[in-house]
Amino acid sequence: MSLLLKGILIGLLFGVPVGAVGAMTVQRTWEHGIREGLLTGMGSSAADCIYAGIGAFGLTMVSEFLLEYQTVIHLAGSAIMLYLGICLFFPQKELTEVPAVSGRWKMFLTSFAVGITNPAAILTFLFAFSWFGITGGSASEDGWLLVAGVFIGTYLWWGALCAAVALAKSKKKTGNIQKMNRIFGAVLSLFGVIVFMRAILV
């Protein structure tokens, strides 16, 4: 089995869109459209690729640094999630229709920030590589094939999620955008609190 195919399978099996970024992707797809949802998912996939690359190329010093300071990184991630959740739950103005979208880079960067503040993801990918018989310190070409496969696999999940949300929205004749935002804001805030509590208690 080629490394590209193995990377795709790892992305599919270990990149299931759950958690805070999953909630962000669903909310943005529902409110703004499938393109914005895909941009949000892309940010998470990019973060996964960085951690997959660290595992694939055997960058021991980087992984040890991230794991050593994972408490601080987790606290930063929880702060980002809480901020995003509060902004959704307490918007500055009531929305009566879907607003025009601006700052698409912000959608990518916020999901990337949430994804990259989970350094324990390195352990997930190391486990996945071990399961598929992939050793760290891969050659440059092989390593890049593996990372590209991980990106494709995780992004297939995001594409499926966004398509499902867009389909559900198309079948719903009316909807309260403000109510949806508050639901997802509460979910994001909850994830932020959970990450914060784990960071200070572990």
Protein backbone atom coordinates (compact mmCIF):
# COMPACT_ATOMS: atom_id res chain seq x y z
CA MET A 1 0.00 0.00 0.00
CA SER A 2 1.44 3.37 -1.02
CA LEU A 3 2.19 6.00 1.62
CA LEU A 4 -0.28 8.37 -0.02
CA LEU A 5 -3.09 5.84 0.37
CA LYS A 6 -2.01 5.08 3.94
CA GLY A 7 -2.09 8.80 4.69
CA ILE A 8 -5.62 9.09 3.28
CA LEU A 9 -6.78 6.17 5.44
CA ILE A 10 -5.14 7.69 8.53
CA GLY A 11 -6.86 11.01 7.79
CA LEU A 12 -10.21 9.26 7.39
CA LEU A 13 -9.86 7.16 10.53
CA PHE A 14 -8.25 9.67 12.89
CA GLY A 15 -9.47 12.98 11.47
CA VAL A 16 -13.18 12.57 12.16
CA PRO A 17 -14.65 16.09 12.45
CA VAL A 18 -15.74 16.18 16.07
CA GLY A 19 -15.16 18.66 18.83
CA ALA A 20 -14.81 22.41 18.68
CA VAL A 21 -13.76 22.69 15.03
CA GLY A 22 -16.64 20.41 14.05
CA ALA A 23 -19.08 22.75 15.79
CA MET A 24 -17.47 25.77 14.11
CA THR A 25 -17.71 24.12 10.70
CA VAL A 26 -21.36 23.21 11.11
CA GLN A 27 -22.27 26.71 12.33
CA ARG A 28 -20.45 28.50 9.53
CA THR A 29 -21.81 26.19 6.85
CA TRP A 30 -25.33 26.73 8.16
CA GLU A 31 -25.01 30.49 8.46
CA HIS A 32 -22.75 31.43 5.54
CA GLY A 33 -22.65 28.49 3.13
CA ILE A 34 -20.65 25.44 2.17
CA ARG A 35 -17.61 27.40 0.95
CA GLU A 36 -17.11 29.01 4.35
CA GLY A 37 -17.55 25.63 6.05
CA LEU A 38 -14.89 24.13 3.81
CA LEU A 39 -12.52 27.00 4.62
CA THR A 40 -13.02 26.31 8.31
CA GLY A 41 -12.35 22.61 7.81
CA MET A 42 -9.25 23.43 5.79
CA GLY A 43 -7.76 25.24 8.78
CA SER A 44 -8.09 22.11 10.90
CA SER A 45 -6.69 19.91 8.11
CA ALA A 46 -3.67 22.22 7.82
CA ALA A 47 -3.03 21.89 11.57
CA ASP A 48 -3.33 18.10 11.30
CA CYS A 49 -0.79 18.12 8.48
CA ILE A 50 1.74 19.97 10.61
CA TYR A 51 1.45 17.40 13.39
CA ALA A 52 1.46 14.54 10.90
CA GLY A 53 4.61 16.01 9.37
CA ILE A 54 6.29 16.18 12.78
CA GLY A 55 5.52 12.50 13.27
CA ALA A 56 6.44 11.49 9.72
CA PHE A 57 9.79 13.28 9.61
CA GLY A 58 10.73 12.33 13.17
CA LEU A 59 11.18 15.89 14.45
CA THR A 60 11.84 14.80 18.01
CA MET A 61 12.92 18.17 19.38
CA VAL A 62 9.78 19.89 18.10
CA SER A 63 7.43 17.19 19.38
CA GLU A 64 9.13 17.13 22.79
CA PHE A 65 8.86 20.92 23.06
CA LEU A 66 5.15 20.90 22.15
CA LEU A 67 4.36 18.10 24.57
CA GLU A 68 6.38 19.74 27.36
CA TYR A 69 4.44 22.98 27.03
CA GLN A 70 1.11 21.46 26.08
CA THR A 71 -0.58 22.89 29.20
CA VAL A 72 0.16 26.46 28.11
CA ILE A 73 -0.85 25.65 24.54
CA HIS A 74 -4.10 24.06 25.72
CA LEU A 75 -4.88 27.13 27.80
CA ALA A 76 -4.40 29.31 24.73
CA GLY A 77 -6.69 27.02 22.74
CA SER A 78 -9.38 27.12 25.42
CA ALA A 79 -9.23 30.93 25.42
CA ILE A 80 -9.76 30.98 21.64
CA MET A 81 -12.73 28.62 21.89
CA LEU A 82 -14.30 30.61 24.72
CA TYR A 83 -13.88 33.85 22.80
CA LEU A 84 -15.48 32.43 19.65
CA GLY A 85 -18.29 30.83 21.64
CA ILE A 86 -19.10 34.03 23.54
CA CYS A 87 -19.08 36.05 20.31
CA LEU A 88 -21.63 33.65 18.83
CA PHE A 89 -23.79 33.49 21.95
CA PHE A 90 -23.82 37.25 22.53
CA PRO A 91 -23.76 38.84 19.06
CA GLN A 92 -23.46 42.58 18.68
CA LYS A 93 -26.73 42.80 16.77
CA GLU A 94 -29.70 40.67 15.96
CA LEU A 95 -29.54 38.89 12.62
CA THR A 96 -32.68 38.78 10.52
CA GLU A 97 -31.00 37.33 7.43
CA VAL A 98 -27.76 35.66 6.46
CA PRO A 99 -25.12 38.41 6.41
CA ALA A 100 -22.57 38.97 3.71
CA VAL A 101 -19.41 37.08 4.48
CA SER A 102 -16.13 38.89 4.93
CA GLY A 103 -12.77 37.90 6.31
CA ARG A 104 -12.63 34.35 4.94
CA TRP A 105 -9.00 34.14 6.02
CA LYS A 106 -10.26 34.65 9.56
CA MET A 107 -12.40 31.52 9.23
CA PHE A 108 -9.37 29.52 8.15
CA LEU A 109 -7.06 30.97 10.79
CA THR A 110 -9.44 30.57 13.75
CA SER A 111 -9.99 26.85 13.04
CA PHE A 112 -6.25 26.43 12.43
CA ALA A 113 -5.55 28.07 15.80
CA VAL A 114 -7.93 25.72 17.58
CA GLY A 115 -6.47 22.70 15.81
CA ILE A 116 -2.82 23.63 16.34
CA THR A 117 -3.29 24.15 20.08
CA ASN A 118 -3.72 20.40 20.56
CA PRO A 119 -0.12 19.13 20.62
CA ALA A 120 -1.27 15.75 21.91
CA ALA A 121 -2.39 15.17 18.30
CA ILE A 122 1.24 14.18 17.65
CA LEU A 123 0.66 11.09 19.80
CA THR A 124 -2.46 10.25 17.78
CA PHE A 125 -0.53 10.34 14.53
CA LEU A 126 2.41 8.40 16.00
CA PHE A 127 -0.05 5.70 17.07
CA ALA A 128 -1.64 5.75 13.62
CA PHE A 129 1.75 5.48 11.90
CA SER A 130 2.68 2.57 14.14
CA TRP A 131 -0.62 0.85 13.36
CA PHE A 132 0.06 1.11 9.64
CA GLY A 133 3.70 0.10 10.01
CA ILE A 134 5.13 3.54 9.22
CA THR A 135 8.31 4.53 11.04
CA GLY A 136 9.34 8.10 11.88
CA GLY A 137 12.17 9.81 10.07
CA SER A 138 10.79 9.09 6.60
CA ALA A 139 12.62 10.19 3.47
CA SER A 140 11.57 13.59 2.20
CA GLU A 141 9.47 12.33 -0.72
CA ASP A 142 7.81 9.60 1.32
CA GLY A 143 7.09 11.99 4.18
CA TRP A 144 5.41 14.52 1.92
CA LEU A 145 3.27 11.79 0.32
CA LEU A 146 2.13 10.72 3.78
CA VAL A 147 1.31 14.28 4.86
CA ALA A 148 -0.56 14.93 1.59
CA GLY A 149 -2.59 11.78 2.20
CA VAL A 150 -3.48 12.90 5.73
CA PHE A 151 -4.69 16.24 4.35
CA ILE A 152 -6.83 14.55 1.69
CA GLY A 153 -8.30 12.11 4.20
CA THR A 154 -9.20 14.72 6.82
CA TYR A 155 -10.56 17.08 4.20
CA LEU A 156 -12.84 14.37 2.83
CA TRP A 157 -14.45 14.29 6.28
CA TRP A 158 -14.93 18.05 6.29
CA GLY A 159 -16.39 17.95 2.79
CA ALA A 160 -18.87 15.26 3.81
CA LEU A 161 -19.86 17.21 6.94
CA CYS A 162 -20.36 20.47 5.03
CA ALA A 163 -22.39 18.73 2.33
CA ALA A 164 -24.62 17.11 4.95
CA VAL A 165 -25.24 20.45 6.71
CA ALA A 166 -25.94 22.24 3.41
CA LEU A 167 -28.40 19.50 2.45
CA ALA A 168 -30.16 19.72 5.82
CA LYS A 169 -30.42 23.49 5.48
CA SER A 170 -31.86 23.25 1.96
CA LYS A 171 -34.67 21.05 3.27
CA LYS A 172 -35.47 23.46 6.10
CA LYS A 173 -37.78 26.19 4.82
CA THR A 174 -37.36 28.53 7.76
CA GLY A 175 -34.73 28.83 10.43
CA ASN A 176 -33.71 31.07 13.27
CA ILE A 177 -30.07 31.94 12.60
CA GLN A 178 -29.70 33.64 15.96
CA LYS A 179 -30.89 30.54 17.79
CA MET A 180 -28.49 28.33 15.83
CA ASN A 181 -25.61 30.69 16.63
CA ARG A 182 -26.39 30.55 20.34
CA ILE A 183 -26.49 26.75 20.29
CA PHE A 184 -23.11 26.52 18.61
CA GLY A 185 -21.77 29.31 20.81
CA ALA A 186 -22.73 27.31 23.88
CA VAL A 187 -21.09 24.18 22.41
CA LEU A 188 -17.85 26.03 21.65
CA SER A 189 -17.82 27.60 25.11
CA LEU A 190 -18.36 24.17 26.67
CA PHE A 191 -15.41 22.74 24.76
CA GLY A 192 -13.33 25.71 25.88
CA VAL A 193 -14.19 25.08 29.53
CA ILE A 194 -13.45 21.35 29.19
CA VAL A 195 -10.04 22.01 27.63
CA PHE A 196 -9.27 24.60 30.32
CA MET A 197 -10.22 22.24 33.14
CA ARG A 198 -8.16 19.39 31.68
CA ALA A 199 -5.18 21.68 31.26
CA ILE A 200 -5.15 22.85 34.88
CA LEU A 201 -6.07 19.51 36.46
CA VAL A 202 -3.70 17.22 34.57
